[in-house]
């Protein structure tokens, strides 16, 4: 009598939700931060492009990964997008009210281009592109001391790269 042992295929994980929640500087609600795991052959650095963008080779175990997707935080409550390091900023009441008053326009703009985005699930490439666009719309409403032109340019360039990845996928 032969025994057949079935191996359960282990689900490989490339991201995790950090234990410490992030507090939104606008609506003050907490939400989870999804982070990309490092090591274990997840990210295999490829060549730099002419635009000085680091590309990554697909891994046999993990497939193609897009680390830029996780560089922007997006609050699922008030729909703001910021670079993770900017979630620690203290906004004045005028800026908060301006951003909150603009929430409907931001949602409508993002849904027009990325209709199926959802910040309540594990992030996909589409969600990453939507987060970058949301960040661009958010930084437009912030004062220049918090949102210098170079930061908006960086977000625009990364949004273009993520959209290129979305197009080629």
N, C-alpha and C. Protein backbone atom coordinates (compact mmCIF):
# COMPACT_ATOMS: atom_id res chain seq x y z
N UNK A 1 0.83 -1.18 0.00
CA UNK A 1 0.00 0.00 0.00
C UNK A 1 0.88 1.25 0.00
N UNK A 2 0.60 2.09 -0.95
CA UNK A 2 1.40 3.30 -1.10
C UNK A 2 0.68 4.48 -0.49
N UNK A 3 1.41 5.25 0.23
CA UNK A 3 0.84 6.46 0.82
C UNK A 3 1.21 7.65 -0.05
N UNK A 4 0.22 8.39 -0.32
CA UNK A 4 0.48 9.62 -1.07
C UNK A 4 0.43 10.78 -0.08
N UNK A 5 1.50 11.47 -0.05
CA UNK A 5 1.56 12.62 0.83
C UNK A 5 1.41 13.87 -0.02
N UNK A 6 0.40 14.60 0.30
CA UNK A 6 0.17 15.84 -0.42
C UNK A 6 0.82 16.99 0.35
N UNK A 7 1.66 17.68 -0.34
CA UNK A 7 2.28 18.85 0.27
C UNK A 7 1.37 20.05 0.03
N UNK A 8 1.15 20.75 1.10
CA UNK A 8 0.40 21.99 0.95
C UNK A 8 1.34 23.03 0.37
N UNK A 9 0.87 23.69 -0.66
CA UNK A 9 1.69 24.75 -1.22
C UNK A 9 1.67 25.92 -0.26
N UNK A 10 2.86 26.28 0.15
CA UNK A 10 2.98 27.37 1.09
C UNK A 10 2.82 28.70 0.36
N UNK A 11 1.98 29.53 0.90
CA UNK A 11 1.75 30.85 0.33
C UNK A 11 2.95 31.73 0.67
N UNK A 12 3.64 32.21 -0.33
CA UNK A 12 4.78 33.07 -0.08
C UNK A 12 4.31 34.51 0.11
N UNK A 13 4.84 35.14 1.10
CA UNK A 13 4.42 36.49 1.41
C UNK A 13 5.53 37.47 1.05
N UNK A 14 5.15 38.57 0.47
CA UNK A 14 6.13 39.58 0.11
C UNK A 14 5.93 40.86 0.92
N UNK A 15 4.78 40.99 1.57
CA UNK A 15 4.52 42.18 2.39
C UNK A 15 3.98 41.76 3.74
N UNK A 16 3.96 42.73 4.64
CA UNK A 16 3.36 42.52 5.96
C UNK A 16 2.78 43.85 6.42
N UNK A 17 1.85 43.77 7.34
CA UNK A 17 1.29 44.98 7.94
C UNK A 17 2.03 45.22 9.25
N UNK A 18 2.60 46.41 9.40
CA UNK A 18 3.38 46.70 10.59
C UNK A 18 2.49 46.70 11.82
N UNK A 19 3.09 46.37 12.96
CA UNK A 19 2.34 46.29 14.21
C UNK A 19 1.83 47.65 14.64
N UNK A 20 2.65 48.67 14.41
CA UNK A 20 2.27 50.01 14.82
C UNK A 20 1.45 50.67 13.72
N UNK A 21 0.28 51.14 14.07
CA UNK A 21 -0.58 51.81 13.09
C UNK A 21 -0.10 53.24 12.85
N UNK A 22 -0.47 53.76 11.70
CA UNK A 22 -0.11 55.12 11.31
C UNK A 22 -1.30 56.03 11.58
N UNK A 23 -1.04 57.20 12.12
CA UNK A 23 -2.10 58.16 12.39
C UNK A 23 -2.12 59.21 11.27
N UNK A 24 -3.28 59.41 10.70
CA UNK A 24 -3.43 60.38 9.62
C UNK A 24 -3.35 61.80 10.20
N UNK A 25 -2.52 62.68 9.62
CA UNK A 25 -2.41 64.05 10.14
C UNK A 25 -3.64 64.92 9.84
N UNK A 26 -4.52 64.44 8.97
CA UNK A 26 -5.71 65.23 8.61
C UNK A 26 -6.92 64.80 9.42
N UNK A 27 -7.33 63.53 9.32
CA UNK A 27 -8.54 63.07 10.00
C UNK A 27 -8.25 62.44 11.37
N UNK A 28 -6.97 62.23 11.68
CA UNK A 28 -6.51 61.69 12.97
C UNK A 28 -6.89 60.23 13.19
N UNK A 29 -7.35 59.54 12.17
CA UNK A 29 -7.70 58.12 12.30
C UNK A 29 -6.47 57.27 12.03
N UNK A 30 -6.41 56.12 12.69
CA UNK A 30 -5.29 55.20 12.52
C UNK A 30 -5.61 54.20 11.41
N UNK A 31 -4.56 53.79 10.69
CA UNK A 31 -4.71 52.75 9.68
C UNK A 31 -3.40 51.97 9.60
N UNK A 32 -3.47 50.80 8.96
CA UNK A 32 -2.32 49.92 8.88
C UNK A 32 -1.38 50.33 7.75
N UNK A 33 -0.09 50.12 7.99
CA UNK A 33 0.93 50.39 6.98
C UNK A 33 1.43 49.06 6.43
N UNK A 34 1.30 48.89 5.13
CA UNK A 34 1.81 47.68 4.48
C UNK A 34 3.24 47.93 4.04
N UNK A 35 4.12 47.01 4.41
CA UNK A 35 5.53 47.16 4.08
C UNK A 35 6.02 45.95 3.31
N UNK A 36 6.98 46.20 2.46
CA UNK A 36 7.59 45.15 1.65
C UNK A 36 8.67 44.46 2.48
N UNK A 37 8.61 43.14 2.54
CA UNK A 37 9.66 42.39 3.24
C UNK A 37 10.94 42.48 2.43
N UNK A 38 12.05 42.41 3.14
CA UNK A 38 13.33 42.45 2.43
C UNK A 38 14.07 41.15 2.66
N UNK A 39 15.06 40.91 1.85
CA UNK A 39 15.88 39.70 1.99
C UNK A 39 15.21 38.49 1.38
N UNK A 40 15.89 37.38 1.45
CA UNK A 40 15.35 36.13 0.95
C UNK A 40 15.19 36.08 -0.56
N UNK A 41 15.90 36.93 -1.27
CA UNK A 41 15.81 36.92 -2.73
C UNK A 41 14.54 37.54 -3.27
N UNK A 42 13.86 38.35 -2.46
CA UNK A 42 12.63 38.98 -2.95
C UNK A 42 12.93 40.03 -4.01
N UNK A 43 13.89 40.90 -3.71
CA UNK A 43 14.23 41.97 -4.65
C UNK A 43 15.61 41.70 -5.24
N UNK A 44 15.63 41.50 -6.53
CA UNK A 44 16.88 41.27 -7.25
C UNK A 44 17.11 42.51 -8.12
N UNK A 45 18.09 43.31 -7.71
CA UNK A 45 18.34 44.58 -8.40
C UNK A 45 18.77 44.34 -9.84
N UNK A 46 18.13 45.07 -10.72
CA UNK A 46 18.48 45.04 -12.13
C UNK A 46 19.22 46.31 -12.49
N UNK A 47 19.32 46.60 -13.76
CA UNK A 47 20.06 47.80 -14.18
C UNK A 47 19.28 49.09 -13.92
N UNK A 48 20.02 50.20 -13.94
CA UNK A 48 19.39 51.52 -13.89
C UNK A 48 18.97 51.91 -15.30
N UNK A 49 17.84 52.57 -15.41
CA UNK A 49 17.39 53.04 -16.72
C UNK A 49 18.03 54.39 -17.02
N UNK A 50 17.78 54.91 -18.21
CA UNK A 50 18.27 56.24 -18.58
C UNK A 50 17.69 57.32 -17.66
N UNK A 51 16.52 57.03 -17.09
CA UNK A 51 15.87 57.97 -16.17
C UNK A 51 16.38 57.81 -14.74
N UNK A 52 17.39 56.97 -14.55
CA UNK A 52 17.97 56.66 -13.24
C UNK A 52 16.97 55.94 -12.34
N UNK A 53 16.15 55.14 -12.94
CA UNK A 53 15.20 54.32 -12.19
C UNK A 53 15.81 52.94 -11.99
N UNK A 54 15.78 52.47 -10.77
CA UNK A 54 16.26 51.12 -10.47
C UNK A 54 15.18 50.12 -10.91
N UNK A 55 15.57 49.17 -11.71
CA UNK A 55 14.65 48.10 -12.10
C UNK A 55 14.97 46.86 -11.28
N UNK A 56 14.03 45.95 -11.22
CA UNK A 56 14.20 44.72 -10.45
C UNK A 56 13.87 43.53 -11.32
N UNK A 57 14.67 42.49 -11.19
CA UNK A 57 14.47 41.26 -11.94
C UNK A 57 13.41 40.41 -11.23
N UNK A 58 12.59 39.69 -11.98
CA UNK A 58 11.61 38.79 -11.34
C UNK A 58 12.34 37.67 -10.60
N UNK A 59 11.82 37.32 -9.45
CA UNK A 59 12.37 36.22 -8.66
C UNK A 59 11.60 34.95 -8.99
N UNK A 60 12.28 33.83 -9.00
CA UNK A 60 11.62 32.55 -9.29
C UNK A 60 10.56 32.27 -8.22
N UNK A 61 10.90 32.54 -6.98
CA UNK A 61 9.99 32.23 -5.87
C UNK A 61 8.87 33.26 -5.70
N UNK A 62 9.20 34.54 -5.89
CA UNK A 62 8.24 35.60 -5.58
C UNK A 62 7.66 36.31 -6.80
N UNK A 63 8.23 36.10 -7.96
CA UNK A 63 7.73 36.76 -9.16
C UNK A 63 8.22 38.19 -9.25
N UNK A 64 7.48 38.99 -9.99
CA UNK A 64 7.84 40.39 -10.18
C UNK A 64 7.30 41.23 -9.03
N UNK A 65 8.17 42.04 -8.45
CA UNK A 65 7.78 42.92 -7.35
C UNK A 65 7.98 44.37 -7.76
N UNK A 66 7.15 45.22 -7.23
CA UNK A 66 7.21 46.65 -7.53
C UNK A 66 7.35 47.43 -6.22
N UNK A 67 8.58 47.66 -5.75
CA UNK A 67 8.76 48.31 -4.45
C UNK A 67 8.23 49.74 -4.40
N UNK A 68 8.17 50.44 -5.52
CA UNK A 68 7.65 51.81 -5.50
C UNK A 68 6.19 51.86 -5.05
N UNK A 69 5.49 50.77 -5.21
CA UNK A 69 4.08 50.70 -4.85
C UNK A 69 3.84 50.99 -3.37
N UNK A 70 4.84 50.71 -2.54
CA UNK A 70 4.67 50.81 -1.09
C UNK A 70 5.27 52.08 -0.49
N UNK A 71 5.77 53.00 -1.31
CA UNK A 71 6.45 54.20 -0.81
C UNK A 71 5.49 55.32 -0.41
N UNK A 72 4.24 55.20 -0.79
CA UNK A 72 3.23 56.23 -0.51
C UNK A 72 2.19 55.65 0.44
N UNK A 73 1.84 56.44 1.44
CA UNK A 73 0.75 56.06 2.34
C UNK A 73 -0.53 56.74 1.91
N UNK A 74 -1.63 56.02 2.02
CA UNK A 74 -2.92 56.59 1.64
C UNK A 74 -3.93 56.29 2.75
N UNK A 75 -4.50 57.33 3.31
CA UNK A 75 -5.49 57.15 4.37
C UNK A 75 -6.82 56.70 3.75
N UNK A 76 -7.32 55.54 4.16
CA UNK A 76 -8.59 55.07 3.59
C UNK A 76 -9.81 55.84 4.09
N UNK A 77 -9.63 56.65 5.14
CA UNK A 77 -10.77 57.40 5.69
C UNK A 77 -10.99 58.74 4.98
N UNK A 78 -9.94 59.55 4.89
CA UNK A 78 -10.11 60.88 4.29
C UNK A 78 -9.48 61.01 2.91
N UNK A 79 -8.92 59.92 2.42
CA UNK A 79 -8.35 59.86 1.07
C UNK A 79 -7.28 60.91 0.81
N UNK A 80 -6.27 60.93 1.69
CA UNK A 80 -5.09 61.73 1.39
C UNK A 80 -3.96 60.76 1.06
N UNK A 81 -3.02 61.22 0.31
CA UNK A 81 -1.83 60.44 0.00
C UNK A 81 -0.61 61.25 0.36
N UNK A 82 0.32 60.64 1.09
CA UNK A 82 1.55 61.31 1.49
C UNK A 82 2.70 60.31 1.46
N UNK A 83 3.91 60.82 1.30
CA UNK A 83 5.07 59.98 1.53
C UNK A 83 5.04 59.57 3.00
N UNK A 84 5.48 58.37 3.30
CA UNK A 84 5.35 57.87 4.67
C UNK A 84 5.98 58.81 5.69
N UNK A 85 7.12 59.42 5.37
CA UNK A 85 7.78 60.29 6.34
C UNK A 85 6.97 61.56 6.62
N UNK A 86 6.04 61.92 5.77
CA UNK A 86 5.23 63.12 5.98
C UNK A 86 3.99 62.87 6.83
N UNK A 87 3.76 61.65 7.24
CA UNK A 87 2.62 61.40 8.13
C UNK A 87 2.89 61.92 9.54
N UNK A 88 4.12 62.32 9.82
CA UNK A 88 4.47 62.88 11.13
C UNK A 88 4.34 64.39 11.17
N UNK A 89 4.00 65.02 10.06
CA UNK A 89 3.92 66.48 10.03
C UNK A 89 2.71 66.97 10.81
N UNK A 90 2.84 68.17 11.33
CA UNK A 90 1.73 68.83 12.03
C UNK A 90 1.16 69.88 11.09
N UNK A 91 -0.08 69.69 10.73
CA UNK A 91 -0.75 70.62 9.82
C UNK A 91 -1.56 71.64 10.60
N UNK A 92 -1.61 72.87 10.09
CA UNK A 92 -2.45 73.87 10.73
C UNK A 92 -3.91 73.64 10.32
N UNK A 93 -4.82 74.27 11.05
CA UNK A 93 -6.25 74.07 10.80
C UNK A 93 -6.66 74.48 9.39
N UNK A 94 -6.04 75.53 8.86
CA UNK A 94 -6.37 76.00 7.52
C UNK A 94 -6.06 74.91 6.48
N UNK A 95 -4.89 74.29 6.60
CA UNK A 95 -4.50 73.22 5.66
C UNK A 95 -5.40 72.01 5.80
N UNK A 96 -5.71 71.64 7.04
CA UNK A 96 -6.59 70.49 7.28
C UNK A 96 -7.96 70.72 6.66
N UNK A 97 -8.53 71.90 6.89
CA UNK A 97 -9.85 72.21 6.33
C UNK A 97 -9.83 72.24 4.80
N UNK A 98 -8.76 72.77 4.23
CA UNK A 98 -8.63 72.81 2.77
C UNK A 98 -8.59 71.40 2.19
N UNK A 99 -7.85 70.52 2.85
CA UNK A 99 -7.75 69.13 2.38
C UNK A 99 -9.07 68.39 2.56
N UNK A 100 -9.71 68.58 3.72
CA UNK A 100 -10.99 67.90 3.96
C UNK A 100 -12.08 68.40 3.02
N UNK A 101 -12.09 69.70 2.73
CA UNK A 101 -13.09 70.25 1.81
C UNK A 101 -12.90 69.74 0.39
N UNK A 102 -11.69 69.33 0.05
CA UNK A 102 -11.33 68.88 -1.29
C UNK A 102 -11.45 67.36 -1.46
N UNK A 103 -11.88 66.65 -0.41
CA UNK A 103 -11.91 65.18 -0.43
C UNK A 103 -12.73 64.62 -1.59
N UNK A 104 -13.90 65.13 -1.81
CA UNK A 104 -14.77 64.63 -2.88
C UNK A 104 -14.13 64.76 -4.26
N UNK A 105 -13.48 65.88 -4.49
CA UNK A 105 -12.80 66.09 -5.78
C UNK A 105 -11.65 65.10 -5.96
N UNK A 106 -10.89 64.86 -4.87
CA UNK A 106 -9.78 63.90 -4.96
C UNK A 106 -10.29 62.51 -5.29
N UNK A 107 -11.32 62.07 -4.58
CA UNK A 107 -11.88 60.74 -4.82
C UNK A 107 -12.37 60.61 -6.26
N UNK A 108 -13.09 61.62 -6.71
CA UNK A 108 -13.64 61.61 -8.07
C UNK A 108 -12.52 61.56 -9.12
N UNK A 109 -11.47 62.34 -8.91
CA UNK A 109 -10.34 62.37 -9.85
C UNK A 109 -9.63 61.03 -9.91
N UNK A 110 -9.38 60.44 -8.75
CA UNK A 110 -8.67 59.16 -8.71
C UNK A 110 -9.54 58.05 -9.30
N UNK A 111 -10.83 58.03 -8.97
CA UNK A 111 -11.72 56.99 -9.50
C UNK A 111 -11.90 57.10 -11.01
N UNK A 112 -11.77 58.30 -11.55
CA UNK A 112 -11.90 58.47 -13.00
C UNK A 112 -10.77 57.76 -13.74
N UNK A 113 -9.59 57.71 -13.13
CA UNK A 113 -8.44 57.08 -13.79
C UNK A 113 -8.21 55.65 -13.30
N UNK A 114 -8.39 55.43 -12.00
CA UNK A 114 -8.16 54.11 -11.39
C UNK A 114 -9.45 53.66 -10.70
N UNK A 115 -10.45 53.21 -11.47
CA UNK A 115 -11.78 52.97 -10.91
C UNK A 115 -11.87 51.84 -9.89
N UNK A 116 -10.93 50.93 -9.86
CA UNK A 116 -11.06 49.77 -8.97
C UNK A 116 -10.05 49.77 -7.84
N UNK A 117 -9.54 50.94 -7.47
CA UNK A 117 -8.56 50.98 -6.39
C UNK A 117 -9.25 50.74 -5.05
N UNK A 118 -8.49 50.20 -4.10
CA UNK A 118 -9.03 49.90 -2.78
C UNK A 118 -7.87 49.89 -1.79
N UNK A 119 -7.88 50.81 -0.84
CA UNK A 119 -6.80 50.87 0.14
C UNK A 119 -7.08 50.01 1.37
N UNK A 120 -8.13 49.22 1.34
CA UNK A 120 -8.47 48.34 2.45
C UNK A 120 -7.98 46.91 2.25
N UNK A 121 -7.18 46.66 1.23
CA UNK A 121 -6.67 45.32 0.95
C UNK A 121 -5.16 45.40 0.77
N UNK A 122 -4.55 44.22 0.55
CA UNK A 122 -3.12 44.22 0.22
C UNK A 122 -2.94 44.99 -1.07
N UNK A 123 -1.93 45.81 -1.10
CA UNK A 123 -1.74 46.74 -2.20
C UNK A 123 -1.37 46.04 -3.50
N UNK A 124 -2.03 46.46 -4.55
CA UNK A 124 -1.73 45.99 -5.90
C UNK A 124 -1.02 47.12 -6.65
N UNK A 125 -0.57 46.84 -7.84
CA UNK A 125 0.08 47.87 -8.65
C UNK A 125 -0.91 49.00 -8.96
N UNK A 126 -2.16 48.65 -9.21
CA UNK A 126 -3.19 49.66 -9.46
C UNK A 126 -3.39 50.54 -8.23
N UNK A 127 -3.44 49.92 -7.04
CA UNK A 127 -3.59 50.69 -5.80
C UNK A 127 -2.39 51.61 -5.58
N UNK A 128 -1.20 51.13 -5.95
CA UNK A 128 0.00 51.96 -5.82
C UNK A 128 -0.06 53.17 -6.72
N UNK A 129 -0.51 52.99 -7.95
CA UNK A 129 -0.65 54.11 -8.88
C UNK A 129 -1.69 55.10 -8.36
N UNK A 130 -2.80 54.57 -7.85
CA UNK A 130 -3.84 55.44 -7.29
C UNK A 130 -3.31 56.22 -6.09
N UNK A 131 -2.49 55.59 -5.26
CA UNK A 131 -1.91 56.26 -4.09
C UNK A 131 -0.99 57.40 -4.53
N UNK A 132 -0.19 57.18 -5.56
CA UNK A 132 0.68 58.25 -6.06
C UNK A 132 -0.14 59.42 -6.61
N UNK A 133 -1.19 59.12 -7.34
CA UNK A 133 -2.02 60.19 -7.89
C UNK A 133 -2.72 60.95 -6.76
N UNK A 134 -3.18 60.21 -5.76
CA UNK A 134 -3.80 60.83 -4.59
C UNK A 134 -2.80 61.72 -3.87
N UNK A 135 -1.56 61.26 -3.77
CA UNK A 135 -0.52 62.06 -3.12
C UNK A 135 -0.27 63.35 -3.90
N UNK A 136 -0.23 63.24 -5.21
CA UNK A 136 -0.02 64.43 -6.03
C UNK A 136 -1.14 65.45 -5.81
N UNK A 137 -2.37 64.97 -5.75
CA UNK A 137 -3.52 65.85 -5.50
C UNK A 137 -3.48 66.44 -4.09
N UNK A 138 -2.99 65.67 -3.13
CA UNK A 138 -2.90 66.15 -1.74
C UNK A 138 -1.81 67.20 -1.60
N UNK A 139 -0.63 66.93 -2.15
CA UNK A 139 0.48 67.88 -2.01
C UNK A 139 0.19 69.21 -2.71
N UNK A 140 -0.68 69.20 -3.71
CA UNK A 140 -1.06 70.46 -4.36
C UNK A 140 -1.75 71.41 -3.40
N UNK A 141 -2.40 70.87 -2.37
CA UNK A 141 -3.16 71.68 -1.43
C UNK A 141 -2.36 72.06 -0.18
N UNK A 142 -1.16 71.53 -0.04
CA UNK A 142 -0.35 71.82 1.14
C UNK A 142 0.53 73.04 0.91
N UNK A 143 0.91 73.73 1.99
CA UNK A 143 1.80 74.89 1.83
C UNK A 143 3.18 74.48 1.30
N UNK A 144 3.87 75.41 0.67
CA UNK A 144 5.16 75.13 0.04
C UNK A 144 6.21 74.65 1.05
N UNK A 145 6.07 75.02 2.30
CA UNK A 145 7.04 74.57 3.31
C UNK A 145 6.97 73.06 3.52
N UNK A 146 5.81 72.48 3.33
CA UNK A 146 5.62 71.03 3.48
C UNK A 146 5.71 70.34 2.13
N UNK A 147 5.28 71.03 1.10
CA UNK A 147 5.18 70.44 -0.23
C UNK A 147 5.99 71.22 -1.26
N UNK A 148 7.32 71.13 -1.18
CA UNK A 148 8.12 71.85 -2.18
C UNK A 148 7.93 71.25 -3.58
N UNK A 149 8.26 72.03 -4.57
CA UNK A 149 8.10 71.61 -5.96
C UNK A 149 8.84 70.31 -6.25
N UNK A 150 10.03 70.14 -5.67
CA UNK A 150 10.82 68.94 -5.93
C UNK A 150 10.09 67.68 -5.45
N UNK A 151 9.36 67.79 -4.35
CA UNK A 151 8.62 66.63 -3.83
C UNK A 151 7.48 66.26 -4.79
N UNK A 152 6.79 67.26 -5.31
CA UNK A 152 5.72 67.00 -6.28
C UNK A 152 6.29 66.43 -7.57
N UNK A 153 7.47 66.90 -7.96
CA UNK A 153 8.12 66.38 -9.16
C UNK A 153 8.51 64.91 -8.97
N UNK A 154 9.04 64.60 -7.80
CA UNK A 154 9.42 63.21 -7.49
C UNK A 154 8.20 62.29 -7.54
N UNK A 155 7.10 62.74 -6.98
CA UNK A 155 5.88 61.94 -6.98
C UNK A 155 5.35 61.78 -8.41
N UNK A 156 5.41 62.84 -9.20
CA UNK A 156 4.96 62.77 -10.59
C UNK A 156 5.78 61.77 -11.39
N UNK A 157 7.09 61.80 -11.21
CA UNK A 157 7.96 60.88 -11.93
C UNK A 157 7.69 59.43 -11.51
N UNK A 158 7.56 59.21 -10.21
CA UNK A 158 7.28 57.85 -9.74
C UNK A 158 5.90 57.37 -10.20
N UNK A 159 4.93 58.28 -10.23
CA UNK A 159 3.61 57.92 -10.75
C UNK A 159 3.72 57.48 -12.20
N UNK A 160 4.50 58.18 -12.98
CA UNK A 160 4.70 57.80 -14.39
C UNK A 160 5.34 56.42 -14.49
N UNK A 161 6.32 56.13 -13.63
CA UNK A 161 6.97 54.82 -13.65
C UNK A 161 6.00 53.71 -13.27
N UNK A 162 5.20 53.95 -12.24
CA UNK A 162 4.23 52.93 -11.80
C UNK A 162 3.18 52.71 -12.89
N UNK A 163 2.75 53.79 -13.55
CA UNK A 163 1.78 53.65 -14.65
C UNK A 163 2.39 52.89 -15.82
N UNK A 164 3.68 53.08 -16.07
CA UNK A 164 4.37 52.31 -17.11
C UNK A 164 4.37 50.83 -16.75
N UNK A 165 4.66 50.53 -15.48
CA UNK A 165 4.62 49.13 -15.02
C UNK A 165 3.21 48.56 -15.16
N UNK A 166 2.22 49.36 -14.83
CA UNK A 166 0.82 48.94 -14.94
C UNK A 166 0.47 48.65 -16.39
N UNK A 167 0.96 49.46 -17.29
CA UNK A 167 0.69 49.28 -18.72
C UNK A 167 1.36 48.02 -19.27
N UNK A 168 2.58 47.75 -18.83
CA UNK A 168 3.32 46.60 -19.36
C UNK A 168 2.91 45.29 -18.72
N UNK A 169 2.24 45.35 -17.58
CA UNK A 169 1.84 44.11 -16.89
C UNK A 169 0.69 43.41 -17.52
